[in-house]
C-alpha atoms as a PDB file:
ATOM      1  CA  THR A   1      -0.166  -0.295   0.152  1.00  0.00           C
ATOM      2  CA  GLN A   2       0.753   3.315  -0.284  1.00  0.00           C
ATOM      3  CA  ARG A   3       1.074   3.868   3.054  1.00  0.00           C
ATOM      4  CA  GLU A   4       3.669   1.363   3.426  1.00  0.00           C
ATOM      5  CA  LEU A   5       5.810   2.790   0.440  1.00  0.00           C
ATOM      6  CA  MET A   6       6.176   6.042   1.531  1.00  0.00           C
ATOM      7  CA  PRO A   7       8.923   5.484   4.272  1.00  0.00           C
ATOM      8  CA  LYS A   8      10.290   3.494   1.200  1.00  0.00           C
ATOM      9  CA  VAL A   9      10.616   6.215  -0.840  1.00  0.00           C
ATOM     10  CA  ILE A  10      10.452   9.550   1.389  1.00  0.00           C
ATOM     11  CA  ASN A  11      13.560   8.434   2.802  1.00  0.00           C
ATOM     12  CA  SER A  12      16.613  10.396   4.136  1.00  0.00           C
ATOM     13  CA  ASP A  13      18.028  10.960   1.195  1.00  0.00           C
ATOM     14  CA  PHE A  14      15.032  12.173  -0.439  1.00  0.00           C
ATOM     15  CA  ILE A  15      14.842  15.111   1.986  1.00  0.00           C
ATOM     16  CA  ASP A  16      18.213  15.507   1.635  1.00  0.00           C
ATOM     17  CA  THR A  17      17.628  16.440  -2.008  1.00  0.00           C
ATOM     18  CA  ILE A  18      14.654  18.346  -1.850  1.00  0.00           C
ATOM     19  CA  HIS A  19      17.197  20.183   1.313  1.00  0.00           C
ATOM     20  CA  LYS A  20      19.877  20.708  -1.699  1.00  0.00           C
ATOM     21  CA  GLY A  21      17.378  21.811  -4.132  1.00  0.00           C
ATOM     22  CA  ARG A  22      16.244  24.727  -2.132  1.00  0.00           C
ATOM     23  CA  SER A  23      19.702  25.737  -1.122  1.00  0.00           C
ATOM     24  CA  VAL A  24      20.762  25.451  -4.932  1.00  0.00           C
ATOM     25  CA  GLU A  25      17.697  28.033  -5.190  1.00  0.00           C
ATOM     26  CA  ALA A  26      18.545  29.645  -2.478  1.00  0.00           C
ATOM     27  CA  PHE A  27      22.000  30.371  -3.511  1.00  0.00           C
ATOM     28  CA  LYS A  28      20.575  31.049  -7.191  1.00  0.00           C
ATOM     29  CA  GLU A  29      18.520  34.175  -5.858  1.00  0.00           C
ATOM     30  CA  ARG A  30      21.197  35.374  -3.712  1.00  0.00           C
ATOM     31  CA  SER A  31      23.730  35.197  -6.552  1.00  0.00           C
ATOM     32  CA  ASP A  32      21.280  36.890  -8.759  1.00  0.00           C
ATOM     33  CA  ARG A  33      21.176  39.895  -6.015  1.00  0.00           C
ATOM     34  CA  GLU A  34      24.719  39.974  -5.533  1.00  0.00           C
ATOM     35  CA  GLN A  35      25.067  40.228  -9.497  1.00  0.00           C
ATOM     36  CA  GLN A  36      22.498  43.109  -9.827  1.00  0.00           C
ATOM     37  CA  GLN A  37      24.617  44.696  -6.628  1.00  0.00           C
ATOM     38  CA  GLN A  38      27.808  44.505  -8.764  1.00  0.00           C
ATOM     39  CA  ARG A  39      25.785  45.551 -12.010  1.00  0.00           C
ATOM     40  CA  GLU A  40      24.255  48.675  -9.780  1.00  0.00           C
ATOM     41  CA  ASP A  41      28.058  49.274  -8.412  1.00  0.00           C
ATOM     42  CA  CYS A  42      29.460  48.994 -11.770  1.00  0.00           C
ATOM     43  CA  LEU A  43      27.329  51.318 -13.091  1.00  0.00           C
ATOM     44  CA  HIS A  44      27.280  54.032 -10.050  1.00  0.00           C
ATOM     45  CA  ILE A  45      31.482  53.953 -10.824  1.00  0.00           C
ATOM     46  CA  ARG A  46      31.379  53.900 -14.135  1.00  0.00           C
ATOM     47  CA  SER A  47      29.415  57.092 -13.307  1.00  0.00           C
ATOM     48  CA  ARG A  48      31.849  58.641 -10.820  1.00  0.00           C
ATOM     49  CA  LEU A  49      34.512  57.782 -13.509  1.00  0.00           C
ATOM     50  CA  ASP A  50      33.087  59.884 -16.481  1.00  0.00           C
ATOM     51  CA  VAL A  51      32.420  62.610 -13.487  1.00  0.00           C
ATOM     52  CA  ALA A  52      36.045  62.613 -12.657  1.00  0.00           C
ATOM     53  CA  LEU A  53      37.191  62.239 -16.037  1.00  0.00           C
ATOM     54  CA  SER A  54      35.019  65.484 -17.176  1.00  0.00           C
ATOM     55  CA  GLU A  55      36.698  67.376 -13.842  1.00  0.00           C
ATOM     56  CA  CYS A  56      40.124  66.452 -14.861  1.00  0.00           C
ATOM     57  CA  LYS A  57      38.990  67.691 -18.323  1.00  0.00           C
ATOM     58  CA  ARG A  58      38.405  70.774 -16.885  1.00  0.00           C
ATOM     59  CA  GLU A  59      41.226  71.198 -14.195  1.00  0.00           C
ATOM     60  CA  ARG A  60      43.677  70.422 -17.248  1.00  0.00           C
ATOM     61  CA  GLN A  61      42.052  73.262 -19.443  1.00  0.00           C
ATOM     62  CA  GLU A  62      41.985  75.446 -16.438  1.00  0.00           C
ATOM     63  CA  LYS A  63      45.602  74.830 -15.780  1.00  0.00           C
ATOM     64  CA  LEU A  64      46.909  75.768 -19.264  1.00  0.00           C
ATOM     65  CA  VAL A  65      45.317  78.745 -18.914  1.00  0.00           C
ATOM     66  CA  LEU A  66      46.757  79.601 -15.305  1.00  0.00           C
ATOM     67  CA  LYS A  67      50.115  78.763 -17.307  1.00  0.00           C
ATOM     68  CA  GLN A  68      49.806  81.429 -20.028  1.00  0.00           C
ATOM     69  CA  GLN A  69      48.569  83.165 -17.277  1.00  0.00           C
ATOM     70  CA  LEU A  70      51.581  82.634 -15.252  1.00  0.00           C
ATOM     71  CA  TRP A  71      53.911  83.254 -17.940  1.00  0.00           C
ATOM     72  CA  GLU A  72      52.352  86.342 -19.206  1.00  0.00           C
ATOM     73  CA  CYS A  73      52.599  87.716 -15.216  1.00  0.00           C
ATOM     74  CA  ARG A  74      56.449  86.372 -15.690  1.00  0.00           C
ATOM     75  CA  GLU A  75      56.746  88.581 -18.474  1.00  0.00           C
ATOM     76  CA  GLU A  76      55.237  91.593 -17.163  1.00  0.00           C
ATOM     77  CA  LEU A  77      57.186  91.103 -14.035  1.00  0.00           C
ATOM     78  CA  GLN A  78      60.696  91.230 -16.097  1.00  0.00           C
ATOM     79  CA  GLN A  79      59.600  94.200 -17.577  1.00  0.00           C
ATOM     80  CA  GLN A  80      58.423  95.803 -14.357  1.00  0.00           C
ATOM     81  CA  LYS A  81      62.009  94.940 -13.092  1.00  0.00           C
ATOM     82  CA  ALA A  82      63.994  96.012 -15.782  1.00  0.00           C
ATOM     83  CA  PHE A  83      62.012  99.278 -15.699  1.00  0.00           C
ATOM     84  CA  CYS A  84      62.635  99.458 -12.208  1.00  0.00           C
ATOM     85  CA  THR A  85      66.209  98.891 -12.225  1.00  0.00           C
ATOM     86  CA  GLU A  86      66.825 101.486 -15.047  1.00  0.00           C
ATOM     87  CA  LEU A  87      64.781 103.629 -13.155  1.00  0.00           C
ATOM     88  CA  GLY A  88      66.734 103.066 -10.187  1.00  0.00           C
ATOM     89  CA  THR A  89      70.004 103.422 -11.940  1.00  0.00           C
ATOM     90  CA  ALA A  90      69.351 106.724 -13.800  1.00  0.00           C
ATOM     91  CA  SER A  91      67.662 108.141 -10.323  1.00  0.00           C
ATOM     92  CA  CYS A  92      70.948 106.950  -8.512  1.00  0.00           C
ATOM     93  CA  THR A  93      73.338 107.587 -11.043  1.00  0.00           C
ATOM     94  CA  LEU A  94      71.916 111.500 -11.351  1.00  0.00           C
ATOM     95  CA  LEU A  95      72.075 111.103  -7.129  1.00  0.00           C
ATOM     96  CA  TRP A  96      75.917 110.067  -7.187  1.00  0.00           C
ATOM     97  CA  SER A  97      76.568 113.153  -9.032  1.00  0.00           C
ATOM     98  CA  ALA A  98      75.046 115.538  -7.166  1.00  0.00           C
ATOM     99  CA  SER A  99      76.106 114.027  -3.886  1.00  0.00           C
ATOM    100  CA  GLN A 100      79.390 115.494  -5.021  1.00  0.00           C
ATOM    101  CA  ARG A 101      78.521 118.596  -3.752  1.00  0.00           C
ATOM    102  CA  GLU A 102      78.824 119.875   0.005  1.00  0.00           C
ATOM    103  CA  GLU A 103      75.404 121.459  -0.337  1.00  0.00           C
ATOM    104  CA  ALA A 104      73.386 118.675  -1.545  1.00  0.00           C
ATOM    105  CA  ILE A 105      74.689 116.327   1.293  1.00  0.00           C
ATOM    106  CA  ARG A 106      73.904 119.106   3.815  1.00  0.00           C
ATOM    107  CA  ASP A 107      69.784 119.370   2.106  1.00  0.00           C
ATOM    108  CA  ILE A 108      69.354 115.160   2.184  1.00  0.00           C
ATOM    109  CA  LEU A 109      71.091 114.516   5.085  1.00  0.00           C
ATOM    110  CA  GLY A 110      67.844 114.668   7.415  1.00  0.00           C
ATOM    111  CA  LYS A 111      66.067 112.054   4.653  1.00  0.00           C
ATOM    112  CA  LEU A 112      69.407 109.265   4.631  1.00  0.00           C
ATOM    113  CA  GLU A 113      68.206 106.825   6.636  1.00  0.00           C
ATOM    114  CA  PRO A 114      65.035 104.986   4.505  1.00  0.00           C
ATOM    115  CA  PHE A 115      67.761 105.545   1.424  1.00  0.00           C
ATOM    116  CA  LEU A 116      70.868 104.060   3.598  1.00  0.00           C
ATOM    117  CA  SER A 117      68.745 100.760   4.494  1.00  0.00           C
ATOM    118  CA  ILE A 118      67.605  99.863   0.788  1.00  0.00           C
ATOM    119  CA  ALA A 119      71.291 100.664  -0.327  1.00  0.00           C
ATOM    120  CA  GLY A 120      72.570  98.366   2.006  1.00  0.00           C
ATOM    121  CA  GLN A 121      69.797  96.078   1.263  1.00  0.00           C
ATOM    122  CA  THR A 122      70.271  96.166  -2.897  1.00  0.00           C
ATOM    123  CA  ILE A 123      73.991  95.925  -2.289  1.00  0.00           C
ATOM    124  CA  GLU A 124      73.946  92.966  -0.535  1.00  0.00           C
ATOM    125  CA  ALA A 125      71.086  90.981  -2.541  1.00  0.00           C
ATOM    126  CA  PHE A 126      73.480  91.912  -5.781  1.00  0.00           C
ATOM    127  CA  ILE A 127      76.860  90.549  -4.219  1.00  0.00           C
ATOM    128  CA  LYS A 128      74.854  87.761  -2.610  1.00  0.00           C
ATOM    129  CA  PHE A 129      73.124  86.625  -5.451  1.00  0.00           C
ATOM    130  CA  LEU A 130      76.172  86.500  -8.081  1.00  0.00           C
ATOM    131  CA  ASN A 131      78.219  84.301  -5.404  1.00  0.00           C
ATOM    132  CA  ASP A 132      75.933  81.722  -6.335  1.00  0.00           C
ATOM    133  CA  GLU A 133      76.874  82.270 -10.229  1.00  0.00           C
ATOM    134  CA  ALA A 134      79.501  80.227 -11.641  1.00  0.00           C
ATOM    135  CA  LYS A 135      80.562  83.591 -13.806  1.00  0.00           C
ATOM    136  CA  PRO A 136      79.528  86.638 -11.996  1.00  0.00           C
ATOM    137  CA  GLN A 137      81.940  89.060 -14.116  1.00  0.00           C
ATOM    138  CA  GLN A 138      79.122  88.481 -17.138  1.00  0.00           C
ATOM    139  CA  SER A 139      77.230  90.769 -14.802  1.00  0.00           C
ATOM    140  CA  SER A 140      80.068  93.393 -14.506  1.00  0.00           C
ATOM    141  CA  ASN A 141      78.043  95.739 -17.469  1.00  0.00           C
ATOM    142  CA  SER A 142      74.289  94.592 -16.168  1.00  0.00           C
ATOM    143  CA  LYS A 143      72.104  97.672 -14.919  1.00  0.00           C
ATOM    144  CA  GLU A 144      71.817  96.069 -11.727  1.00  0.00           C
ATOM    145  CA  HIS A 145      75.838  96.520 -11.386  1.00  0.00           C
ATOM    146  CA  HIS A 146      75.384 100.548 -12.468  1.00  0.00           C
ATOM    147  CA  LEU A 147      72.855 100.448 -10.029  1.00  0.00           C
ATOM    148  CA  VAL A 148      74.711  98.959  -7.005  1.00  0.00           C
ATOM    149  CA  LEU A 149      77.915 100.998  -7.789  1.00  0.00           C
ATOM    150  CA  ALA A 150      75.573 104.030  -8.004  1.00  0.00           C
ATOM    151  CA  LEU A 151      74.454 103.345  -4.694  1.00  0.00           C
ATOM    152  CA  ALA A 152      77.935 102.820  -3.475  1.00  0.00           C
ATOM    153  CA  GLY A 153      78.990 105.495  -5.091  1.00  0.00           C
ATOM    154  CA  VAL A 154      76.401 107.806  -3.174  1.00  0.00           C
ATOM    155  CA  VAL A 155      77.552 106.501   0.097  1.00  0.00           C
ATOM    156  CA  THR A 156      80.988 107.675  -0.435  1.00  0.00           C
ATOM    157  CA  ASN A 157      80.409 110.883  -1.305  1.00  0.00           C
ATOM    158  CA  ILE A 158      78.085 111.156   2.062  1.00  0.00           C
ATOM    159  CA  ALA A 159      80.959 110.087   3.790  1.00  0.00           C
ATOM    160  CA  ALA A 160      82.990 112.506   2.097  1.00  0.00           C
ATOM    161  CA  VAL A 161      81.802 115.342   3.958  1.00  0.00           C
ATOM    162  CA  SER A 162      82.004 115.930   8.138  1.00  0.00           C
ATOM    163  CA  CYS A 163      78.583 115.813   8.948  1.00  0.00           C
ATOM    164  CA  GLY A 164      77.584 113.296   6.249  1.00  0.00           C
ATOM    165  CA  ARG A 165      80.192 110.528   8.358  1.00  0.00           C
ATOM    166  CA  ASP A 166      79.345 112.183  11.540  1.00  0.00           C
ATOM    167  CA  PHE A 167      76.230 110.814  10.461  1.00  0.00           C
ATOM    168  CA  LEU A 168      76.870 107.498   9.040  1.00  0.00           C
ATOM    169  CA  SER A 169      79.389 106.923  11.860  1.00  0.00           C
ATOM    170  CA  SER A 170      76.600 107.784  14.723  1.00  0.00           C
ATOM    171  CA  SER A 171      73.331 106.245  12.621  1.00  0.00           C
ATOM    172  CA  ALA A 172      74.074 103.648   9.551  1.00  0.00           C
ATOM    173  CA  HIS A 173      76.519 101.079  12.150  1.00  0.00           C
ATOM    174  CA  ILE A 174      74.363  98.422   9.822  1.00  0.00           C
ATOM    175  CA  LEU A 175      75.269  99.932   6.413  1.00  0.00           C
ATOM    176  CA  LEU A 176      78.673  99.897   7.717  1.00  0.00           C
ATOM    177  CA  ASP A 177      78.864  96.211   9.069  1.00  0.00           C
ATOM    178  CA  THR A 178      77.184  95.252   5.529  1.00  0.00           C
ATOM    179  CA  PHE A 179      80.067  96.790   3.530  1.00  0.00           C
ATOM    180  CA  LEU A 180      82.582  95.154   5.730  1.00  0.00           C
ATOM    181  CA  GLN A 181      81.314  91.329   5.537  1.00  0.00           C
ATOM    182  CA  LEU A 182      80.027  92.201   1.729  1.00  0.00           C
ATOM    183  CA  LEU A 183      83.933  92.881   1.458  1.00  0.00           C
ATOM    184  CA  CYS A 184      84.710  89.363   2.821  1.00  0.00           C
ATOM    185  CA  LEU A 185      82.663  87.650   0.609  1.00  0.00           C
ATOM    186  CA  MET A 186      83.229  89.323  -2.678  1.00  0.00           C
ATOM    187  CA  LYS A 187      85.893  86.948  -4.095  1.00  0.00           C
ATOM    188  CA  PRO A 188      89.740  88.545  -5.322  1.00  0.00           C
ATOM    189  CA  GLY A 189      89.353  89.941  -8.753  1.00  0.00           C
ATOM    190  CA  VAL A 190      85.453  90.031  -8.597  1.00  0.00           C
ATOM    191  CA  PHE A 191      83.637  93.573  -8.926  1.00  0.00           C
ATOM    192  CA  PRO A 192      86.768  96.011  -8.551  1.00  0.00           C
ATOM    193  CA  LYS A 193      85.085  99.130  -8.706  1.00  0.00           C
ATOM    194  CA  LEU A 194      82.436  97.808  -6.216  1.00  0.00           C
ATOM    195  CA  LYS A 195      84.639  97.052  -3.755  1.00  0.00           C
ATOM    196  CA  VAL A 196      87.066 100.216  -4.134  1.00  0.00           C
ATOM    197  CA  LEU A 197      83.469 102.857  -3.253  1.00  0.00           C
ATOM    198  CA  MET A 198      82.974 100.348  -0.392  1.00  0.00           C
ATOM    199  CA  LEU A 199      86.796 100.931   0.441  1.00  0.00           C
ATOM    200  CA  MET A 200      86.565 104.385   0.172  1.00  0.00           C
ATOM    201  CA  ALA A 201      83.622 105.367   1.929  1.00  0.00           C
ATOM    202  CA  LEU A 202      84.736 102.947   4.802  1.00  0.00           C
ATOM    203  CA  TYR A 203      88.320 105.031   4.448  1.00  0.00           C
ATOM    204  CA  ASN A 204      86.116 108.703   4.652  1.00  0.00           C
ATOM    205  CA  ILE A 205      84.260 107.252   7.879  1.00  0.00           C
ATOM    206  CA  THR A 206      87.933 106.584   9.663  1.00  0.00           C
ATOM    207  CA  ILE A 207      88.689 110.475   9.513  1.00  0.00           C
ATOM    208  CA  SER A 208      86.210 111.378  11.890  1.00  0.00           C
ATOM    209  CA  GLY A 209      86.898 110.103  15.683  1.00  0.00           C
ATOM    210  CA  ASN A 210      83.659 107.997  16.198  1.00  0.00           C
ATOM    211  CA  GLY A 211      84.032 106.643  12.398  1.00  0.00           C
ATOM    212  CA  LEU A 212      87.625 105.201  12.887  1.00  0.00           C
ATOM    213  CA  LYS A 213      86.433 104.052  16.322  1.00  0.00           C
ATOM    214  CA  LEU A 214      83.336 101.966  15.224  1.00  0.00           C
ATOM    215  CA  ILE A 215      85.569 100.931  12.287  1.00  0.00           C
ATOM    216  CA  SER A 216      88.885  99.444  14.057  1.00  0.00           C
ATOM    217  CA  GLU A 217      86.728  97.736  16.381  1.00  0.00           C
ATOM    218  CA  SER A 218      84.989  95.393  13.645  1.00  0.00           C
ATOM    219  CA  PRO A 219      86.660  91.838  14.936  1.00  0.00           C
ATOM    220  CA  GLY A 220      87.463  90.438  11.259  1.00  0.00           C
ATOM    221  CA  LEU A 221      88.908  94.170   9.923  1.00  0.00           C
ATOM    222  CA  LEU A 222      92.547  93.045   9.977  1.00  0.00           C
ATOM    223  CA  PRO A 223      91.979  89.377   8.392  1.00  0.00           C
ATOM    224  CA  LEU A 224      89.543  91.447   5.888  1.00  0.00           C
ATOM    225  CA  LEU A 225      92.541  93.905   4.562  1.00  0.00           C
ATOM    226  CA  CYS A 226      94.730  90.613   4.132  1.00  0.00           C
ATOM    227  CA  THR A 227      92.629  89.723   1.791  1.00  0.00           C
ATOM    228  CA  LEU A 228      92.133  92.603  -0.026  1.00  0.00           C
ATOM    229  CA  LEU A 229      95.570  93.672  -0.313  1.00  0.00           C
ATOM    230  CA  LYS A 230      96.066  90.116  -2.377  1.00  0.00           C
ATOM    231  CA  ASP A 231      93.263  91.209  -4.944  1.00  0.00           C
ATOM    232  CA  PRO A 232      95.046  91.340  -8.389  1.00  0.00           C
ATOM    233  CA  ASP A 233      93.707  94.754  -8.890  1.00  0.00           C
ATOM    234  CA  PRO A 234      96.268  97.663  -8.071  1.00  0.00           C
ATOM    235  CA  GLU A 235      92.647 100.152  -7.251  1.00  0.00           C
ATOM    236  CA  VAL A 236      91.584  97.658  -4.081  1.00  0.00           C
ATOM    237  CA  CYS A 237      95.380  97.215  -2.806  1.00  0.00           C
ATOM    238  CA  LEU A 238      95.425 101.296  -2.983  1.00  0.00           C
ATOM    239  CA  GLN A 239      92.034 101.775  -1.105  1.00  0.00           C
ATOM    240  CA  SER A 240      92.850  98.878   1.429  1.00  0.00           C
ATOM    241  CA  LEU A 241      96.418 100.634   2.105  1.00  0.00           C
ATOM    242  CA  ARG A 242      94.528 103.907   2.698  1.00  0.00           C
ATOM    243  CA  LEU A 243      92.244 102.102   4.989  1.00  0.00           C
ATOM    244  CA  LEU A 244      95.049 100.618   6.852  1.00  0.00           C
ATOM    245  CA  GLN A 245      96.911 103.840   7.029  1.00  0.00           C
ATOM    246  CA  SER A 246      93.979 105.631   8.909  1.00  0.00           C
ATOM    247  CA  LEU A 247      93.883 103.053  11.253  1.00  0.00           C
ATOM    248  CA  LEU A 248      98.168 103.414  11.666  1.00  0.00           C
ATOM    249  CA  LEU A 249      97.611 107.227  12.589  1.00  0.00           C
ATOM    250  CA  GLU A 250      95.522 107.020  15.500  1.00  0.00           C
ATOM    251  CA  ARG A 251      98.506 105.279  17.887  1.00  0.00           C
ATOM    252  CA  GLU A 252      95.489 104.282  20.145  1.00  0.00           C
ATOM    253  CA  VAL A 253      93.937 102.600  17.489  1.00  0.00           C
ATOM    254  CA  MET A 254      97.294 100.692  16.746  1.00  0.00           C
ATOM    255  CA  SER A 255      98.730  99.812  20.239  1.00  0.00           C
ATOM    256  CA  HIS A 256      95.416  97.323  20.708  1.00  0.00           C
ATOM    257  CA  MET A 257      96.662  96.028  16.801  1.00  0.00           C
ATOM    258  CA  THR A 258     100.206  95.530  17.097  1.00  0.00           C
ATOM    259  CA  THR A 259     100.346  91.836  18.432  1.00  0.00           C
ATOM    260  CA  ASP A 260      97.740  90.599  15.035  1.00  0.00           C
ATOM    261  CA  PHE A 261     100.044  92.452  12.951  1.00  0.00           C
ATOM    262  CA  LEU A 262     102.832  90.954  14.310  1.00  0.00           C
ATOM    263  CA  SER A 263     101.100  87.351  14.196  1.00  0.00           C
ATOM    264  CA  SER A 264      98.833  87.577  11.133  1.00  0.00           C
ATOM    265  CA  PHE A 265      99.180  90.627   9.248  1.00  0.00           C
ATOM    266  CA  PRO A 266     101.051  89.426   5.226  1.00  0.00           C
ATOM    267  CA  LEU A 267     104.110  92.506   5.630  1.00  0.00           C
ATOM    268  CA  SER A 268     105.794  90.710   3.207  1.00  0.00           C
ATOM    269  CA  ARG A 269     102.756  91.773   0.624  1.00  0.00           C
ATOM    270  CA  ILE A 270     103.087  95.518   1.612  1.00  0.00           C
ATOM    271  CA  HIS A 271     106.928  95.244   0.916  1.00  0.00           C
ATOM    272  CA  HIS A 272     106.281  93.869  -2.377  1.00  0.00           C
ATOM    273  CA  LEU A 273     103.767  96.330  -3.090  1.00  0.00           C
ATOM    274  CA  ALA A 274     106.220  99.172  -2.417  1.00  0.00           C
ATOM    275  CA  SER A 275     107.860  97.899  -5.890  1.00  0.00           C
ATOM    276  CA  SER A 276     105.263  98.062  -7.724  1.00  0.00           C
ATOM    277  CA  ARG A 277     104.720  99.766 -10.991  1.00  0.00           C
ATOM    278  CA  HIS A 278     101.594 101.699 -10.178  1.00  0.00           C
ATOM    279  CA  PRO A 279     102.971 105.018  -9.139  1.00  0.00           C
ATOM    280  CA  ALA A 280     100.241 105.665  -6.497  1.00  0.00           C
ATOM    281  CA  LEU A 281     100.053 101.848  -4.897  1.00  0.00           C
ATOM    282  CA  LYS A 282     103.791 102.236  -4.770  1.00  0.00           C
ATOM    283  CA  GLN A 283     103.970 105.449  -2.740  1.00  0.00           C
ATOM    284  CA  ILE A 284     101.024 104.203  -0.254  1.00  0.00           C
ATOM    285  CA  ALA A 285     102.738 101.004   0.367  1.00  0.00           C
ATOM    286  CA  GLN A 286     106.116 102.983   1.088  1.00  0.00           C
ATOM    287  CA  GLU A 287     104.424 105.005   3.275  1.00  0.00           C
ATOM    288  CA  THR A 288     102.687 102.674   5.055  1.00  0.00           C
ATOM    289  CA  LEU A 289     106.003 101.253   5.122  1.00  0.00           C
ATOM    290  CA  GLU A 290     107.168 104.049   7.192  1.00  0.00           C
ATOM    291  CA  ASP A 291     104.446 104.511   9.458  1.00  0.00           C
ATOM    292  CA  LEU A 292     104.611 100.870  10.476  1.00  0.00           C
ATOM    293  CA  HIS A 293     108.054 101.741  11.337  1.00  0.00           C
ATOM    294  CA  THR A 294     107.115 104.521  13.410  1.00  0.00           C
ATOM    295  CA  HIS A 295     105.454 102.235  15.783  1.00  0.00           C
ATOM    296  CA  ASN A 296     108.669 100.923  17.075  1.00  0.00           C
ATOM    297  CA  ILE A 297     107.405  97.145  15.286  1.00  0.00           C
ATOM    298  CA  SER A 298     110.261  95.366  15.020  1.00  0.00           C
ATOM    299  CA  GLY A 299     111.371  93.867  11.864  1.00  0.00           C
ATOM    300  CA  LEU A 300     109.030  95.484   9.720  1.00  0.00           C
ATOM    301  CA  CYS A 301     111.097  96.811   7.150  1.00  0.00           C
ATOM    302  CA  SER A 302     113.309  93.810   6.957  1.00  0.00           C
ATOM    303  CA  PRO A 303     113.892  92.474   3.906  1.00  0.00           C
ATOM    304  CA  ALA A 304     113.392  89.315   4.663  1.00  0.00           C
ATOM    305  CA  TYR A 305     109.889  89.996   4.532  1.00  0.00           C
ATOM    306  CA  VAL A 306     109.957  91.243   0.575  1.00  0.00           C
ATOM    307  CA  GLU A 307     108.529  88.940  -1.475  1.00  0.00           C
ATOM    308  CA  PHE A 308     109.420  88.625  -5.510  1.00  0.00           C
END
């Protein structure tokens, strides 16, 4: 009978088959749902990709526009820089010429501080920038070089007038320190005209008592003069000796420097310059040796120090 056959037909294997069938259907439904979700995710990602590509294209176009604008700004900036340099050079050259008159120095004396600050910063920036260049001598004919020459020339002319050097020795310590530091940085044979003007300014400052005290107390003065006296340009050596002479004329200053002279100063170089073919340099070197001799520093004038 059916009742007797049922246990034989609906056994554990049959039940397992039914469960497996249901599991397969559930798996298929789950797979369908996952595939549908993946298709939706793919569409979403594709949509985001399209948006990103569109934004990338837009940003690329914007960058091209910005690059063009940047190039135009650089060109405009270069033109403005060239114009400002030419204007500054022309103005400072005129001021350099006008400052040769003592009356002109007196007229501008109360307005010098901003000018001196700008002058020091400009000369410092020029020298430090060119120290990083392979061939700074290529800039010797540049507008920038003429500008710093004019600035240094104005300072030199100011220091040539008694009221001007009094002002500089009392109110321009930073500028004078900058000159000394820059002379240390400048390589031998490079920008000799600028060196000469700065040395002339320092020499003019030492004519006043306060200026002499200020310059002589600079800790790097003697090493600086040692280096400058070895410069290949005779005018640089000449102005260096003039500055040295100014120090030698003050016995109180010299009394503090005698030991350093004997230990480190290139006295043989002064003997060598005393036989120079440059008349002014030869004369001042001989005068310097005489000044040294008056200080009774033994051995300074001995021929053993002469270099040939």
